[in-house]
Amino acid sequence: MESTRAIITRLTRLTDTSLIAHWFTEDHGLVKTVARGARRPNSPFAGKIDLFFAGTMTCQRAKKGDLHSLREFSVSSWREGLRRDYTSTLLAGYCCQLLENSVEPEHPEPELFDLLRRALDHIDTEKPTFRALRHFEKELVRILGVTHQEWSPERSLRHALGSLPASRDDLIERLHQV
């Protein structure tokens, strides 16, 4: 796999020193990589692998399975504003979860990559709002082609996906308090 622009959407601890990083990439869609040694202080990945970071990643394809080896990641956006409060982090996480639930692994979706990038950039610089959540859902149903004229984007997504991420209820409650 050649280099591609990517956003880290989820991190999972693999071992005491390694992580599994889930990426939404511009050229390859959802991709999972193992970042060997990323949790070590002297790792070349130290300080570069965290939720919502964006940049250019390079990985080596696995011969079997879908867990590739991360070779390099150059961060272009740390999105520090997403960590300013829990609601911002929750909204960003919801966008990533919803996108992961909406697409097939390793299937390129450049328009969805751009939607996620724009959403995270917005949440990074602005206060989280119910309007931002609704806009993301509305754009997602439009791009996926699952819009029903008489239904809300939420209902269209529930119908198409079966369910929405569980974090949505807490997120809605918090957004109404803002």
C-alpha atoms as a PDB file:
ATOM      1  CA  MET A   1       0.000   0.000   0.000  1.00  0.00           C
ATOM      2  CA  GLU A   2       1.363   3.357  -0.899  1.00  0.00           C
ATOM      3  CA  SER A   3       1.090   6.458   1.241  1.00  0.00           C
ATOM      4  CA  THR A   4      -2.325   8.011   1.683  1.00  0.00           C
ATOM      5  CA  ARG A   5      -3.997  10.753   3.693  1.00  0.00           C
ATOM      6  CA  ALA A   6      -5.636   9.242   6.763  1.00  0.00           C
ATOM      7  CA  ILE A   7      -7.491   9.997   9.999  1.00  0.00           C
ATOM      8  CA  ILE A   8      -7.232   7.817  13.105  1.00  0.00           C
ATOM      9  CA  THR A   9     -10.773   6.803  14.073  1.00  0.00           C
ATOM     10  CA  ARG A  10     -10.120   4.233  16.808  1.00  0.00           C
ATOM     11  CA  LEU A  11      -7.239   2.843  18.879  1.00  0.00           C
ATOM     12  CA  THR A  12      -7.092  -0.522  20.605  1.00  0.00           C
ATOM     13  CA  ARG A  13      -4.324  -1.834  22.826  1.00  0.00           C
ATOM     14  CA  LEU A  14      -2.818  -4.974  21.285  1.00  0.00           C
ATOM     15  CA  THR A  15       0.057  -5.688  23.675  1.00  0.00           C
ATOM     16  CA  ASP A  16       1.945  -3.778  26.355  1.00  0.00           C
ATOM     17  CA  THR A  17       3.862  -1.974  23.620  1.00  0.00           C
ATOM     18  CA  SER A  18       1.687  -2.135  20.478  1.00  0.00           C
ATOM     19  CA  LEU A  19      -1.594  -0.641  19.277  1.00  0.00           C
ATOM     20  CA  ILE A  20      -4.142  -1.435  16.618  1.00  0.00           C
ATOM     21  CA  ALA A  21      -5.000   1.788  14.818  1.00  0.00           C
ATOM     22  CA  HIS A  22      -8.175   2.067  12.749  1.00  0.00           C
ATOM     23  CA  TRP A  23      -7.908   4.613   9.960  1.00  0.00           C
ATOM     24  CA  PHE A  24     -10.271   6.192   7.497  1.00  0.00           C
ATOM     25  CA  THR A  25      -8.108   6.824   4.456  1.00  0.00           C
ATOM     26  CA  GLU A  26      -8.686   8.840   1.330  1.00  0.00           C
ATOM     27  CA  ASP A  27      -7.537   6.114  -1.072  1.00  0.00           C
ATOM     28  CA  HIS A  28      -8.422   2.863   0.722  1.00  0.00           C
ATOM     29  CA  GLY A  29     -11.371   3.565   3.022  1.00  0.00           C
ATOM     30  CA  LEU A  30     -11.331   1.868   6.426  1.00  0.00           C
ATOM     31  CA  VAL A  31      -7.983   0.243   7.180  1.00  0.00           C
ATOM     32  CA  LYS A  32      -6.611  -1.433  10.316  1.00  0.00           C
ATOM     33  CA  THR A  33      -2.913  -1.413  11.124  1.00  0.00           C
ATOM     34  CA  VAL A  34      -0.739  -2.658  13.926  1.00  0.00           C
ATOM     35  CA  ALA A  35       1.644  -0.006  15.229  1.00  0.00           C
ATOM     36  CA  ARG A  36       4.354  -2.177  16.758  1.00  0.00           C
ATOM     37  CA  GLY A  37       6.106  -0.581  19.693  1.00  0.00           C
ATOM     38  CA  ALA A  38       3.931   2.559  19.512  1.00  0.00           C
ATOM     39  CA  ARG A  39       3.508   2.609  23.292  1.00  0.00           C
ATOM     40  CA  ARG A  40       7.250   2.687  23.952  1.00  0.00           C
ATOM     41  CA  PRO A  41       8.679   6.105  24.859  1.00  0.00           C
ATOM     42  CA  ASN A  42      11.441   5.882  22.230  1.00  0.00           C
ATOM     43  CA  SER A  43       9.140   4.648  19.452  1.00  0.00           C
ATOM     44  CA  PRO A  44       9.148   6.495  16.124  1.00  0.00           C
ATOM     45  CA  PHE A  45       5.352   6.648  16.628  1.00  0.00           C
ATOM     46  CA  ALA A  46       5.574   8.302  20.083  1.00  0.00           C
ATOM     47  CA  GLY A  47       3.285  11.328  20.154  1.00  0.00           C
ATOM     48  CA  LYS A  48       2.021  10.661  16.617  1.00  0.00           C
ATOM     49  CA  ILE A  49      -0.699   8.066  17.187  1.00  0.00           C
ATOM     50  CA  ASP A  50      -3.825   9.405  18.880  1.00  0.00           C
ATOM     51  CA  LEU A  51      -7.539   9.675  18.150  1.00  0.00           C
ATOM     52  CA  PHE A  52      -8.582  12.063  15.403  1.00  0.00           C
ATOM     53  CA  PHE A  53      -4.998  12.862  14.323  1.00  0.00           C
ATOM     54  CA  ALA A  54      -4.742  13.344  10.552  1.00  0.00           C
ATOM     55  CA  GLY A  55      -1.794  13.069   8.231  1.00  0.00           C
ATOM     56  CA  THR A  56      -0.079  10.772   5.767  1.00  0.00           C
ATOM     57  CA  MET A  57       0.276   7.108   6.640  1.00  0.00           C
ATOM     58  CA  THR A  58       2.185   4.310   4.973  1.00  0.00           C
ATOM     59  CA  CYS A  59       1.614   0.656   5.744  1.00  0.00           C
ATOM     60  CA  GLN A  60       2.686  -2.710   4.454  1.00  0.00           C
ATOM     61  CA  ARG A  61      -0.179  -4.959   3.366  1.00  0.00           C
ATOM     62  CA  ALA A  62      -0.720  -8.171   5.315  1.00  0.00           C
ATOM     63  CA  LYS A  63      -0.273 -11.360   3.320  1.00  0.00           C
ATOM     64  CA  LYS A  64      -3.270 -12.836   5.151  1.00  0.00           C
ATOM     65  CA  GLY A  65      -6.074 -11.018   6.888  1.00  0.00           C
ATOM     66  CA  ASP A  66      -6.850  -7.342   7.170  1.00  0.00           C
ATOM     67  CA  LEU A  67      -4.419  -6.216   9.882  1.00  0.00           C
ATOM     68  CA  HIS A  68      -1.620  -4.406   8.049  1.00  0.00           C
ATOM     69  CA  SER A  69       1.684  -3.146   9.487  1.00  0.00           C
ATOM     70  CA  LEU A  70       2.032   0.588   9.993  1.00  0.00           C
ATOM     71  CA  ARG A  71       5.378   1.766   8.665  1.00  0.00           C
ATOM     72  CA  GLU A  72       5.153   5.537   8.913  1.00  0.00           C
ATOM     73  CA  PHE A  73       2.806   8.302   9.960  1.00  0.00           C
ATOM     74  CA  SER A  74       3.397  11.997   9.445  1.00  0.00           C
ATOM     75  CA  VAL A  75       0.904  14.129  11.410  1.00  0.00           C
ATOM     76  CA  SER A  76      -0.526  17.193   9.683  1.00  0.00           C
ATOM     77  CA  SER A  77      -3.330  17.938  12.169  1.00  0.00           C
ATOM     78  CA  TRP A  78      -3.345  17.160  15.888  1.00  0.00           C
ATOM     79  CA  ARG A  79      -6.840  18.594  16.418  1.00  0.00           C
ATOM     80  CA  GLU A  80      -6.114  19.696  19.971  1.00  0.00           C
ATOM     81  CA  GLY A  81      -9.467  21.521  20.160  1.00  0.00           C
ATOM     82  CA  LEU A  82     -11.318  18.204  20.134  1.00  0.00           C
ATOM     83  CA  ARG A  83      -9.979  17.561  23.614  1.00  0.00           C
ATOM     84  CA  ARG A  84     -11.158  20.877  25.100  1.00  0.00           C
ATOM     85  CA  ASP A  85     -14.291  19.295  26.541  1.00  0.00           C
ATOM     86  CA  TYR A  86     -15.985  15.917  26.718  1.00  0.00           C
ATOM     87  CA  THR A  87     -18.861  16.897  24.412  1.00  0.00           C
ATOM     88  CA  SER A  88     -16.442  17.813  21.599  1.00  0.00           C
ATOM     89  CA  THR A  89     -14.667  14.476  21.993  1.00  0.00           C
ATOM     90  CA  LEU A  90     -17.999  12.625  22.139  1.00  0.00           C
ATOM     91  CA  LEU A  91     -19.257  14.296  18.943  1.00  0.00           C
ATOM     92  CA  ALA A  92     -16.014  13.540  17.095  1.00  0.00           C
ATOM     93  CA  GLY A  93     -16.117   9.930  18.296  1.00  0.00           C
ATOM     94  CA  TYR A  94     -19.759   9.587  17.225  1.00  0.00           C
ATOM     95  CA  CYS A  95     -18.916  10.821  13.715  1.00  0.00           C
ATOM     96  CA  CYS A  96     -16.104   8.260  13.452  1.00  0.00           C
ATOM     97  CA  GLN A  97     -18.254   5.400  14.810  1.00  0.00           C
ATOM     98  CA  LEU A  98     -21.146   6.228  12.503  1.00  0.00           C
ATOM     99  CA  LEU A  99     -18.838   6.343   9.501  1.00  0.00           C
ATOM    100  CA  GLU A 100     -17.218   3.015  10.455  1.00  0.00           C
ATOM    101  CA  ASN A 101     -20.680   1.429  10.708  1.00  0.00           C
ATOM    102  CA  SER A 102     -21.666   2.803   7.286  1.00  0.00           C
ATOM    103  CA  VAL A 103     -18.949   1.485   4.980  1.00  0.00           C
ATOM    104  CA  GLU A 104     -17.182  -1.714   4.040  1.00  0.00           C
ATOM    105  CA  PRO A 105     -13.524  -2.128   5.056  1.00  0.00           C
ATOM    106  CA  GLU A 106     -10.897  -1.236   2.466  1.00  0.00           C
ATOM    107  CA  HIS A 107     -13.365   0.262   0.019  1.00  0.00           C
ATOM    108  CA  PRO A 108     -12.325   3.755  -1.131  1.00  0.00           C
ATOM    109  CA  GLU A 109     -14.818   6.500  -0.296  1.00  0.00           C
ATOM    110  CA  PRO A 110     -13.061   9.853  -0.965  1.00  0.00           C
ATOM    111  CA  GLU A 111     -16.282  11.857  -0.496  1.00  0.00           C
ATOM    112  CA  LEU A 112     -16.818  10.299   2.945  1.00  0.00           C
ATOM    113  CA  PHE A 113     -13.180  10.930   3.840  1.00  0.00           C
ATOM    114  CA  ASP A 114     -13.719  14.597   3.003  1.00  0.00           C
ATOM    115  CA  LEU A 115     -16.939  14.674   5.075  1.00  0.00           C
ATOM    116  CA  LEU A 116     -15.143  13.250   8.118  1.00  0.00           C
ATOM    117  CA  ARG A 117     -12.189  15.609   7.676  1.00  0.00           C
ATOM    118  CA  ARG A 118     -14.485  18.640   7.459  1.00  0.00           C
ATOM    119  CA  ALA A 119     -16.559  17.496  10.458  1.00  0.00           C
ATOM    120  CA  LEU A 120     -13.507  16.959  12.676  1.00  0.00           C
ATOM    121  CA  ASP A 121     -11.973  20.271  11.575  1.00  0.00           C
ATOM    122  CA  HIS A 122     -15.235  22.047  12.448  1.00  0.00           C
ATOM    123  CA  ILE A 123     -15.524  20.396  15.871  1.00  0.00           C
ATOM    124  CA  ASP A 124     -11.860  21.233  16.476  1.00  0.00           C
ATOM    125  CA  THR A 125     -12.445  24.963  16.071  1.00  0.00           C
ATOM    126  CA  GLU A 126     -16.099  25.465  17.088  1.00  0.00           C
ATOM    127  CA  LYS A 127     -18.253  24.529  20.054  1.00  0.00           C
ATOM    128  CA  PRO A 128     -20.118  21.227  19.528  1.00  0.00           C
ATOM    129  CA  THR A 129     -23.738  21.797  18.506  1.00  0.00           C
ATOM    130  CA  PHE A 130     -26.831  19.797  17.670  1.00  0.00           C
ATOM    131  CA  ARG A 131     -26.759  21.539  14.274  1.00  0.00           C
ATOM    132  CA  ALA A 132     -23.288  20.109  13.531  1.00  0.00           C
ATOM    133  CA  LEU A 133     -24.506  16.603  14.425  1.00  0.00           C
ATOM    134  CA  ARG A 134     -27.575  16.944  12.188  1.00  0.00           C
ATOM    135  CA  HIS A 135     -25.476  18.305   9.321  1.00  0.00           C
ATOM    136  CA  PHE A 136     -23.081  15.346   9.518  1.00  0.00           C
ATOM    137  CA  GLU A 137     -25.976  12.850   9.530  1.00  0.00           C
ATOM    138  CA  LYS A 138     -27.739  14.681   6.667  1.00  0.00           C
ATOM    139  CA  GLU A 139     -24.603  14.696   4.511  1.00  0.00           C
ATOM    140  CA  LEU A 140     -23.892  11.047   5.330  1.00  0.00           C
ATOM    141  CA  VAL A 141     -27.349   9.855   4.190  1.00  0.00           C
ATOM    142  CA  ARG A 142     -27.007  11.959   1.031  1.00  0.00           C
ATOM    143  CA  ILE A 143     -23.597  10.489   0.147  1.00  0.00           C
ATOM    144  CA  LEU A 144     -24.676   6.936   1.013  1.00  0.00           C
ATOM    145  CA  GLY A 145     -27.825   7.372  -1.062  1.00  0.00           C
ATOM    146  CA  VAL A 146     -30.195   6.266   1.721  1.00  0.00           C
ATOM    147  CA  THR A 147     -32.218   9.486   2.022  1.00  0.00           C
ATOM    148  CA  HIS A 148     -35.975   9.073   2.451  1.00  0.00           C
ATOM    149  CA  GLN A 149     -37.886  12.271   1.690  1.00  0.00           C
ATOM    150  CA  GLU A 150     -40.339  11.923   4.586  1.00  0.00           C
ATOM    151  CA  TRP A 151     -37.776  10.679   7.121  1.00  0.00           C
ATOM    152  CA  SER A 152     -35.208  12.498   9.217  1.00  0.00           C
ATOM    153  CA  PRO A 153     -31.547  11.685   8.536  1.00  0.00           C
ATOM    154  CA  GLU A 154     -31.486   9.834  11.882  1.00  0.00           C
ATOM    155  CA  ARG A 155     -34.401   7.591  10.878  1.00  0.00           C
ATOM    156  CA  SER A 156     -32.903   7.010   7.415  1.00  0.00           C
ATOM    157  CA  LEU A 157     -29.608   5.935   9.015  1.00  0.00           C
ATOM    158  CA  ARG A 158     -31.365   3.669  11.546  1.00  0.00           C
ATOM    159  CA  HIS A 159     -33.274   2.039   8.690  1.00  0.00           C
ATOM    160  CA  ALA A 160     -30.168   1.570   6.522  1.00  0.00           C
ATOM    161  CA  LEU A 161     -27.738   0.501   9.287  1.00  0.00           C
ATOM    162  CA  GLY A 162     -30.063  -1.240  11.726  1.00  0.00           C
ATOM    163  CA  SER A 163     -28.944   0.973  14.609  1.00  0.00           C
ATOM    164  CA  LEU A 164     -26.878   4.019  15.469  1.00  0.00           C
ATOM    165  CA  PRO A 165     -23.891   4.126  17.840  1.00  0.00           C
ATOM    166  CA  ALA A 166     -24.984   3.891  21.491  1.00  0.00           C
ATOM    167  CA  SER A 167     -23.118   7.117  22.285  1.00  0.00           C
ATOM    168  CA  ARG A 168     -25.739   9.125  20.351  1.00  0.00           C
ATOM    169  CA  ASP A 169     -28.227   9.293  23.257  1.00  0.00           C
ATOM    170  CA  ASP A 170     -25.644  10.715  25.686  1.00  0.00           C
ATOM    171  CA  LEU A 171     -24.408  13.064  22.973  1.00  0.00           C
ATOM    172  CA  ILE A 172     -27.920  14.419  22.265  1.00  0.00           C
ATOM    173  CA  GLU A 173     -28.486  15.024  25.972  1.00  0.00           C
ATOM    174  CA  ARG A 174     -25.179  16.880  26.322  1.00  0.00           C
ATOM    175  CA  LEU A 175     -25.755  18.970  23.184  1.00  0.00           C
ATOM    176  CA  HIS A 176     -29.129  20.154  24.488  1.00  0.00           C
ATOM    177  CA  GLN A 177     -27.345  21.358  27.659  1.00  0.00           C
ATOM    178  CA  VAL A 178     -24.821  23.457  25.708  1.00  0.00           C
END
